Amino acid sequence: MCVMTMRASLSRLASLDEPRPRERIPWVELSCLPCGEVAGYIEDRRVVRSVYQGGIRLERGRPCCGRCGGLLLSGNRGVATSRNGIG
């Protein structure tokens, strides 16, 4: 029994020494159809971030442009390893 616990603790130590893989953040740009403004980004399919304060408004549960109230469409897509790499 003591040997099993020792092996388990050694395997945990070995896994701590391995470098962690970089976090990958998929993102989609949200652009306004009428005015062409980049209003914000959707990160990781669930987090909506506007480029500037008030850049995205919700009307009836749908995202709209904070500048003109127009429809937001998906634009460029990509994968970043940090929030600074989005866009």
Protein backbone atom coordinates (compact mmCIF):
# COMPACT_ATOMS: atom_id res chain seq x y z
CA MET A 1 0.00 0.00 0.00
CA CYS A 2 2.86 2.37 0.80
CA VAL A 3 4.39 1.67 -2.62
CA MET A 4 1.15 2.67 -4.38
CA THR A 5 1.00 6.01 -2.55
CA MET A 6 4.62 6.70 -3.34
CA ARG A 7 4.06 6.01 -7.06
CA ALA A 8 0.99 8.22 -7.12
CA SER A 9 2.85 11.11 -5.50
CA LEU A 10 5.79 10.71 -7.90
CA SER A 11 3.48 10.77 -10.91
CA ARG A 12 1.86 13.97 -9.58
CA LEU A 13 5.28 15.59 -9.20
CA ALA A 14 6.22 14.58 -12.74
CA SER A 15 3.06 16.16 -14.11
CA LEU A 16 3.84 19.44 -12.28
CA ASP A 17 7.24 19.68 -14.00
CA GLU A 18 5.74 19.44 -17.51
CA PRO A 19 5.13 22.78 -19.21
CA ARG A 20 1.47 23.66 -19.49
CA PRO A 21 0.10 24.12 -23.00
CA ARG A 22 -0.68 27.71 -23.96
CA GLU A 23 -4.27 28.74 -23.60
CA ARG A 24 -6.03 29.09 -26.95
CA ILE A 25 -8.82 31.67 -27.16
CA PRO A 26 -11.00 31.49 -30.28
CA TRP A 27 -12.48 34.91 -31.17
CA VAL A 28 -14.93 36.42 -33.67
CA GLU A 29 -15.08 40.11 -34.59
CA LEU A 30 -18.47 41.87 -34.45
CA SER A 31 -18.86 44.54 -37.16
CA CYS A 32 -21.79 46.87 -37.80
CA LEU A 33 -23.51 46.38 -41.17
CA PRO A 34 -24.62 50.03 -41.81
CA CYS A 35 -21.65 52.02 -40.45
CA GLY A 36 -18.81 49.46 -40.67
CA GLU A 37 -17.69 50.06 -37.08
CA VAL A 38 -15.91 47.19 -35.28
CA ALA A 39 -18.07 47.12 -32.17
CA GLY A 40 -16.42 44.28 -30.28
CA TYR A 41 -15.43 40.63 -30.11
CA ILE A 42 -16.88 37.33 -28.95
CA GLU A 43 -14.23 35.39 -27.05
CA ASP A 44 -14.39 31.67 -26.44
CA ARG A 45 -17.99 31.48 -27.80
CA ARG A 46 -19.44 33.01 -24.63
CA VAL A 47 -17.79 36.30 -23.61
CA VAL A 48 -18.79 39.47 -25.50
CA ARG A 49 -16.37 42.38 -25.16
CA SER A 50 -16.90 45.77 -26.74
CA VAL A 51 -13.98 47.70 -28.22
CA TYR A 52 -15.04 50.88 -26.43
CA GLN A 53 -17.54 51.59 -23.66
CA GLY A 54 -21.08 51.42 -25.05
CA GLY A 55 -19.89 49.86 -28.33
CA ILE A 56 -22.42 47.03 -28.09
CA ARG A 57 -26.02 47.39 -26.93
CA LEU A 58 -28.54 44.63 -26.38
CA GLU A 59 -31.98 45.21 -27.89
CA ARG A 60 -34.49 42.38 -27.45
CA GLY A 61 -31.61 40.05 -26.61
CA ARG A 62 -29.70 40.81 -29.81
CA PRO A 63 -26.40 42.70 -29.99
CA CYS A 64 -26.60 46.04 -31.82
CA CYS A 65 -24.06 48.73 -32.67
CA GLY A 66 -23.69 51.30 -29.90
CA ARG A 67 -22.94 54.01 -32.46
CA CYS A 68 -25.87 53.73 -34.89
CA GLY A 69 -28.04 50.89 -33.54
CA GLY A 70 -27.41 48.76 -36.63
CA LEU A 71 -27.17 45.01 -36.94
CA LEU A 72 -23.87 43.39 -35.89
CA LEU A 73 -22.44 40.68 -38.12
CA SER A 74 -19.52 38.34 -37.58
CA GLY A 75 -16.33 39.43 -39.27
CA ASN A 76 -12.78 38.17 -38.96
CA ARG A 77 -12.06 35.07 -36.89
CA GLY A 78 -8.96 33.74 -35.26
CA VAL A 79 -7.30 32.05 -32.33
CA ALA A 80 -5.14 33.93 -29.85
CA THR A 81 -2.93 32.82 -26.97
CA SER A 82 -3.76 35.89 -24.85
CA ARG A 83 -6.39 38.64 -24.72
CA ASN A 84 -3.85 41.08 -26.20
CA GLY A 85 -3.64 38.93 -29.35
CA ILE A 86 -7.34 39.24 -30.17
CA GLY A 87 -8.21 41.33 -33.18
